Amino acid sequence: MKTIEIHHPYSREAIPDDDVVIALGFFDGVHRGHQKVINTAKKKADELGLKLAVMTFNHHPSVVFKKNAVSELRYLTTVEQKKIQMERLGVDYLYVIEFTSAFACLSPQEFVDQYIVGLHAKVAVAGFDYTYGKKDIANMETLPTFAQDRFEIMEIAKETAASEKISSTMIRQMMSAGDMEGVAHYLGYHYQINGIVVHGDKRGRTLGFPTANVAPDASSLLPKGGVYAVKIKVAHKWYLGMAQIGYNITFEKDRPMTIEVNILDFDQDIYGEHVVVEWHHYLRDEQKFDGIEGLIEQLKADQVNTEDYFRKIEG
């Protein structure tokens, strides 16, 4: 897969000459609804013998429209995570458009001319609720007018589960409730966060449960605080673990939030390693204990519950 980063106005030389089927959307999470759009586009591209292209943005449009600051936004998938998912889905060209004020000022006709026709699209595929400007004038219903018969349009109906539309908003709500099984069901894969292992206070070692203190990508959305059964990828190998998102309230007040992962059957120093934490199952809330002994006993129970969970799901 080739990733092409586009700053408006783009140079024609930046655009591959191939005719494409293009899938359109922001695709935060690349969830099952998004996958339906991309898989439909992939099938059409294969039928026509064309390349598959996907267009997304480097950040949410709300940054430009002053609804959110960049520092406030949290995503289900970062751009780097989107790249991984898109390659898995068989995408040939991933266009990452810098969503700037200049880009936002494009009229619907200019967007279609420059970013669908201009990218050599013979077919444009998007969800039923896709917009490319003000939603009352730049929606899927009006797209044929702007297309002017220059490309085919495929509109994808909403993907539902239990009669509810699969959406990034729904997945975010599940994450805020700690329902990681539900999140995985709607995403079509287990939720992951990328991060780097940094130094902490090393208190876990004194308890017999050493932890990797993971500093996540600042733009990643975190699940609800608490203790989870997780998997963690270190140097291309996956391990079982139990992770806490919390503040270590047993030891002192007003501590910063941390993600600490106790990796089962693991005894290596991994400071500076880039890791992937995969969130499987919510075990319990963070608790404050009166003494160290109570905390250790709970950690032992968490380990047993983590091992039992993975034993059951992996048979």
Protein backbone atom coordinates (compact mmCIF):
# COMPACT_ATOMS: atom_id res chain seq x y z
CA MET A 1 0.00 0.00 0.00
CA LYS A 2 1.20 3.50 -0.82
CA THR A 3 0.29 6.37 1.52
CA ILE A 4 0.01 9.76 -0.19
CA GLU A 5 -0.17 12.82 2.03
CA ILE A 6 -1.95 15.72 0.33
CA HIS A 7 -1.82 19.41 1.22
CA HIS A 8 -4.31 21.59 -0.63
CA PRO A 9 -3.78 22.69 -3.34
CA TYR A 10 -1.95 19.55 -4.42
CA SER A 11 0.49 19.06 -7.26
CA ARG A 12 -0.73 16.88 -10.11
CA GLU A 13 2.57 15.02 -9.97
CA ALA A 14 1.64 13.74 -6.48
CA ILE A 15 -1.31 11.76 -7.86
CA PRO A 16 -0.72 8.30 -9.36
CA ASP A 17 -1.90 7.91 -12.95
CA ASP A 18 -3.97 4.78 -12.22
CA ASP A 19 -7.74 4.88 -12.49
CA VAL A 20 -9.23 3.90 -9.13
CA VAL A 21 -12.30 3.00 -7.17
CA ILE A 22 -12.23 5.40 -4.23
CA ALA A 23 -13.80 4.91 -0.79
CA LEU A 24 -14.63 8.15 1.02
CA GLY A 25 -14.89 8.82 4.75
CA PHE A 26 -13.06 9.83 7.91
CA PHE A 27 -13.04 6.19 9.05
CA ASP A 28 -12.26 6.73 12.76
CA GLY A 29 -11.99 3.23 14.17
CA VAL A 30 -12.23 1.55 10.74
CA HIS A 31 -15.18 -0.29 12.30
CA ARG A 32 -17.49 -2.83 10.67
CA GLY A 33 -19.55 -0.10 8.99
CA HIS A 34 -16.39 1.41 7.50
CA GLN A 35 -15.17 -2.03 6.50
CA LYS A 36 -18.41 -2.58 4.57
CA VAL A 37 -17.70 0.59 2.55
CA ILE A 38 -14.08 -0.38 1.88
CA ASN A 39 -14.83 -4.04 1.13
CA THR A 40 -17.56 -3.00 -1.32
CA ALA A 41 -15.08 -0.68 -3.02
CA LYS A 42 -12.49 -3.47 -3.06
CA LYS A 43 -14.92 -5.87 -4.71
CA LYS A 44 -15.82 -3.26 -7.35
CA ALA A 45 -12.14 -2.48 -8.00
CA ASP A 46 -11.39 -6.17 -8.50
CA GLU A 47 -14.33 -6.52 -10.90
CA LEU A 48 -13.13 -3.57 -12.98
CA GLY A 49 -9.43 -4.36 -12.73
CA LEU A 50 -8.73 -1.03 -11.00
CA LYS A 51 -6.72 0.03 -7.98
CA LEU A 52 -8.47 0.62 -4.65
CA ALA A 53 -7.99 4.06 -3.10
CA VAL A 54 -9.24 5.37 0.23
CA MET A 55 -9.44 9.02 1.23
CA THR A 56 -9.26 10.13 4.86
CA PHE A 57 -8.09 13.20 6.80
CA ASN A 58 -5.13 13.83 9.08
CA HIS A 59 -7.43 15.16 11.81
CA HIS A 60 -11.10 15.73 12.44
CA PRO A 61 -12.72 18.66 10.56
CA SER A 62 -13.85 20.12 13.90
CA VAL A 63 -10.29 21.40 14.39
CA VAL A 64 -10.79 23.84 11.51
CA PHE A 65 -14.32 24.76 12.48
CA LYS A 66 -13.23 25.69 16.05
CA LYS A 67 -15.35 23.04 17.69
CA ASN A 68 -12.36 21.25 19.20
CA ALA A 69 -8.71 21.98 19.83
CA VAL A 70 -6.19 19.45 18.50
CA SER A 71 -5.09 18.71 22.07
CA GLU A 72 -8.66 17.80 23.07
CA LEU A 73 -9.35 15.28 20.32
CA ARG A 74 -9.08 11.57 21.03
CA TYR A 75 -9.37 9.03 18.23
CA LEU A 76 -10.27 5.36 18.05
CA THR A 77 -7.53 5.03 15.45
CA THR A 78 -4.57 7.31 14.85
CA VAL A 79 -3.44 7.86 11.27
CA GLU A 80 -0.73 5.23 11.78
CA GLN A 81 -3.30 2.72 13.04
CA LYS A 82 -5.56 3.52 10.09
CA LYS A 83 -2.68 2.68 7.77
CA ILE A 84 -2.38 -0.77 9.33
CA GLN A 85 -6.10 -1.45 9.01
CA MET A 86 -6.27 -0.14 5.44
CA GLU A 87 -3.37 -2.30 4.32
CA ARG A 88 -5.08 -5.31 5.93
CA LEU A 89 -8.20 -4.53 3.88
CA GLY A 90 -6.26 -4.54 0.61
CA VAL A 91 -6.09 -0.81 -0.09
CA ASP A 92 -3.62 0.21 -2.81
CA TYR A 93 -3.54 3.99 -2.27
CA LEU A 94 -4.33 5.73 1.00
CA TYR A 95 -4.83 9.47 0.57
CA VAL A 96 -4.38 11.37 3.85
CA ILE A 97 -5.70 14.88 3.24
CA GLU A 98 -4.55 17.69 5.53
CA PHE A 99 -7.83 19.22 6.63
CA THR A 100 -6.98 22.92 6.50
CA SER A 101 -9.00 26.10 6.18
CA ALA A 102 -8.15 26.24 2.47
CA PHE A 103 -9.42 22.70 1.95
CA ALA A 104 -12.55 23.39 4.00
CA CYS A 105 -13.38 26.36 1.76
CA LEU A 106 -13.79 24.18 -1.32
CA SER A 107 -17.29 24.23 -2.75
CA PRO A 108 -18.96 20.85 -3.22
CA GLN A 109 -18.32 21.10 -6.96
CA GLU A 110 -14.65 21.94 -6.43
CA PHE A 111 -14.26 19.01 -4.03
CA VAL A 112 -15.76 16.60 -6.53
CA ASP A 113 -13.70 18.02 -9.40
CA GLN A 114 -10.39 18.00 -7.55
CA TYR A 115 -10.68 15.15 -5.04
CA ILE A 116 -12.78 12.56 -6.85
CA VAL A 117 -12.35 13.25 -10.57
CA GLY A 118 -8.87 14.69 -9.96
CA LEU A 119 -7.76 11.47 -8.24
CA HIS A 120 -8.87 9.47 -11.31
CA ALA A 121 -11.87 7.86 -9.66
CA LYS A 122 -14.10 5.84 -11.94
CA VAL A 123 -16.28 4.80 -9.00
CA ALA A 124 -16.86 6.62 -5.69
CA VAL A 125 -18.09 4.55 -2.73
CA ALA A 126 -19.35 6.10 0.51
CA GLY A 127 -21.77 5.56 3.35
CA PHE A 128 -25.32 6.86 3.16
CA ASP A 129 -24.47 9.72 5.55
CA TYR A 130 -21.25 10.90 3.87
CA THR A 131 -20.95 14.66 3.36
CA TYR A 132 -18.35 16.81 1.59
CA GLY A 133 -19.44 20.24 2.77
CA LYS A 134 -22.64 21.53 4.34
CA LYS A 135 -24.76 18.44 4.78
CA ASP A 136 -27.93 19.98 3.33
CA ILE A 137 -26.25 20.64 -0.04
CA ALA A 138 -23.24 18.27 -0.12
CA ASN A 139 -24.59 14.82 0.61
CA MET A 140 -25.00 11.51 -1.20
CA GLU A 141 -28.35 12.59 -2.65
CA THR A 142 -26.78 15.60 -4.38
CA LEU A 143 -23.54 13.87 -5.43
CA PRO A 144 -24.87 12.81 -8.87
CA THR A 145 -25.45 16.48 -9.71
CA PHE A 146 -21.83 17.34 -8.98
CA ALA A 147 -20.53 14.13 -10.56
CA GLN A 148 -21.96 15.05 -13.97
CA ASP A 149 -21.81 11.43 -15.12
CA ARG A 150 -18.02 11.33 -14.85
CA PHE A 151 -17.94 8.45 -12.35
CA GLU A 152 -20.22 5.82 -10.90
CA ILE A 153 -21.60 6.33 -7.37
CA MET A 154 -22.18 3.52 -4.89
CA GLU A 155 -24.02 4.44 -1.69
CA ILE A 156 -23.66 1.99 1.21
CA ALA A 157 -26.58 1.53 3.59
CA LYS A 158 -25.97 1.70 7.31
CA GLU A 159 -24.48 -1.37 8.96
CA THR A 160 -26.43 -2.42 12.03
CA ALA A 161 -26.05 -4.77 14.97
CA ALA A 162 -28.99 -5.55 17.27
CA SER A 163 -31.00 -3.02 15.17
CA GLU A 164 -28.56 -0.20 16.01
CA LYS A 165 -26.33 1.63 13.57
CA ILE A 166 -22.67 0.75 14.03
CA SER A 167 -20.93 4.07 14.61
CA SER A 168 -17.83 5.54 16.17
CA THR A 169 -20.12 7.29 18.69
CA MET A 170 -21.60 3.97 19.80
CA ILE A 171 -18.12 2.46 20.19
CA ARG A 172 -16.97 5.45 22.25
CA GLN A 173 -19.94 4.97 24.57
CA MET A 174 -19.03 1.32 25.04
CA MET A 175 -15.44 2.26 25.85
CA SER A 176 -16.62 4.73 28.48
CA ALA A 177 -18.52 1.83 30.09
CA GLY A 178 -15.58 -0.59 29.89
CA ASP A 179 -17.45 -2.90 27.51
CA MET A 180 -14.43 -4.03 25.52
CA GLU A 181 -16.16 -7.16 24.22
CA GLY A 182 -18.84 -4.92 22.72
CA VAL A 183 -16.16 -2.64 21.30
CA ALA A 184 -14.43 -5.59 19.66
CA HIS A 185 -17.75 -6.81 18.24
CA TYR A 186 -18.52 -3.49 16.57
CA LEU A 187 -14.96 -2.78 15.47
CA GLY A 188 -14.44 -6.27 14.10
CA TYR A 189 -11.14 -6.51 16.00
CA HIS A 190 -9.84 -5.87 19.53
CA TYR A 191 -9.17 -2.24 20.43
CA GLN A 192 -5.49 -1.31 20.56
CA ILE A 193 -3.39 1.56 21.84
CA ASN A 194 0.20 2.21 20.78
CA GLY A 195 2.68 3.57 23.30
CA ILE A 196 6.21 3.64 24.60
CA VAL A 197 7.40 2.11 27.87
CA VAL A 198 8.68 4.83 30.23
CA HIS A 199 10.00 4.88 33.78
CA GLY A 200 7.49 4.90 36.62
CA ASP A 201 7.95 4.72 40.39
CA LYS A 202 8.82 0.97 40.17
CA ARG A 203 6.55 0.21 43.13
CA GLY A 204 5.10 -2.84 41.36
CA ARG A 205 8.42 -4.64 41.72
CA THR A 206 8.27 -4.39 45.49
CA LEU A 207 4.80 -5.93 45.40
CA GLY A 208 5.84 -8.85 43.23
CA PHE A 209 3.93 -7.47 40.23
CA PRO A 210 6.35 -5.41 38.11
CA THR A 211 4.61 -3.26 35.52
CA ALA A 212 5.43 -1.62 32.22
CA ASN A 213 4.38 2.03 32.44
CA VAL A 214 3.00 2.77 28.97
CA ALA A 215 2.82 6.35 27.70
CA PRO A 216 0.15 6.18 24.95
CA ASP A 217 -0.15 8.26 21.83
CA ALA A 218 -1.63 11.52 23.12
CA SER A 219 -4.46 11.44 20.59
CA SER A 220 -5.65 7.91 21.44
CA LEU A 221 -8.96 7.45 23.23
CA LEU A 222 -8.56 5.48 26.47
CA PRO A 223 -11.13 3.05 27.85
CA LYS A 224 -12.83 3.66 31.19
CA GLY A 225 -10.44 3.68 34.13
CA GLY A 226 -9.98 0.36 35.90
CA VAL A 227 -8.25 -3.00 35.61
CA TYR A 228 -8.35 -5.04 32.40
CA ALA A 229 -7.26 -8.35 30.94
CA VAL A 230 -5.07 -7.36 28.00
CA LYS A 231 -2.53 -8.57 25.51
CA ILE A 232 0.65 -6.60 24.94
CA LYS A 233 2.93 -6.77 21.92
CA VAL A 234 6.63 -6.37 22.71
CA ALA A 235 9.22 -6.71 19.92
CA HIS A 236 6.77 -8.49 17.58
CA LYS A 237 5.63 -11.02 20.21
CA TRP A 238 2.30 -11.04 22.07
CA TYR A 239 2.02 -11.67 25.83
CA LEU A 240 -0.90 -11.87 28.24
CA GLY A 241 -1.16 -9.17 30.86
CA MET A 242 -3.35 -7.23 33.26
CA ALA A 243 -3.45 -3.48 32.92
CA GLN A 244 -4.67 -0.64 35.07
CA ILE A 245 -5.74 2.75 33.82
CA GLY A 246 -5.76 4.86 36.96
CA TYR A 247 -4.05 6.97 39.57
CA ASN A 248 -2.58 4.48 42.10
CA ILE A 249 -4.83 5.99 44.75
CA THR A 250 -3.70 3.51 47.40
CA PHE A 251 -0.34 5.26 47.72
CA GLU A 252 -1.00 9.00 47.44
CA LYS A 253 -3.50 11.59 46.26
CA ASP A 254 -3.44 13.67 43.11
CA ARG A 255 -1.18 11.38 41.10
CA PRO A 256 -1.22 11.65 37.29
CA MET A 257 -3.13 9.05 35.33
CA THR A 258 -1.01 6.12 34.17
CA ILE A 259 -1.38 2.93 32.15
CA GLU A 260 0.52 0.14 33.88
CA VAL A 261 0.69 -3.37 32.47
CA ASN A 262 1.82 -6.40 34.45
CA ILE A 263 3.01 -8.81 31.75
CA LEU A 264 2.46 -12.41 32.75
CA ASP A 265 5.44 -14.81 32.59
CA PHE A 266 7.76 -12.01 31.55
CA ASP A 267 10.97 -10.71 33.13
CA GLN A 268 12.76 -8.21 30.90
CA ASP A 269 13.61 -4.51 31.03
CA ILE A 270 11.77 -2.92 28.12
CA TYR A 271 12.16 0.82 28.71
CA GLY A 272 11.97 2.71 25.44
CA GLU A 273 10.22 -0.13 23.62
CA HIS A 274 7.26 0.73 21.42
CA VAL A 275 4.41 -1.57 22.43
CA VAL A 276 0.81 -2.27 21.47
CA VAL A 277 -1.75 -2.84 24.22
CA GLU A 278 -4.84 -4.77 23.14
CA TRP A 279 -7.87 -4.39 25.43
CA HIS A 280 -9.96 -7.53 25.95
CA HIS A 281 -11.96 -7.56 29.18
CA TYR A 282 -12.82 -5.21 32.04
CA LEU A 283 -12.05 -6.87 35.40
CA ARG A 284 -12.86 -4.24 38.05
CA ASP A 285 -12.75 -0.61 39.12
CA GLU A 286 -9.60 0.90 40.57
CA GLN A 287 -9.71 0.49 44.35
CA LYS A 288 -8.04 2.13 47.31
CA PHE A 289 -6.67 -0.36 49.84
CA ASP A 290 -5.91 0.28 53.50
CA GLY A 291 -2.67 -1.67 53.33
CA ILE A 292 -0.21 -3.34 50.99
CA GLU A 293 -1.41 -6.82 51.92
CA GLY A 294 -4.92 -6.18 50.64
CA LEU A 295 -3.56 -4.80 47.37
CA ILE A 296 -1.30 -7.82 46.83
CA GLU A 297 -4.16 -10.22 47.44
CA GLN A 298 -6.30 -8.35 44.92
CA LEU A 299 -3.49 -8.42 42.35
CA LYS A 300 -3.19 -12.16 42.81
CA ALA A 301 -6.94 -12.48 42.20
CA ASP A 302 -6.65 -10.23 39.13
CA GLN A 303 -3.94 -12.50 37.72
CA VAL A 304 -6.07 -15.59 38.24
CA ASN A 305 -9.07 -13.88 36.64
CA THR A 306 -6.95 -12.75 33.69
CA GLU A 307 -5.57 -16.24 33.10
CA ASP A 308 -9.06 -17.74 33.43
CA TYR A 309 -10.51 -15.25 30.96
CA PHE A 310 -7.98 -16.01 28.23
CA ARG A 311 -8.17 -19.75 28.92
CA LYS A 312 -11.93 -19.64 28.33
CA ILE A 313 -11.89 -17.56 25.15
CA GLU A 314 -8.93 -19.36 23.60
CA GLY A 315 -10.17 -22.80 24.56
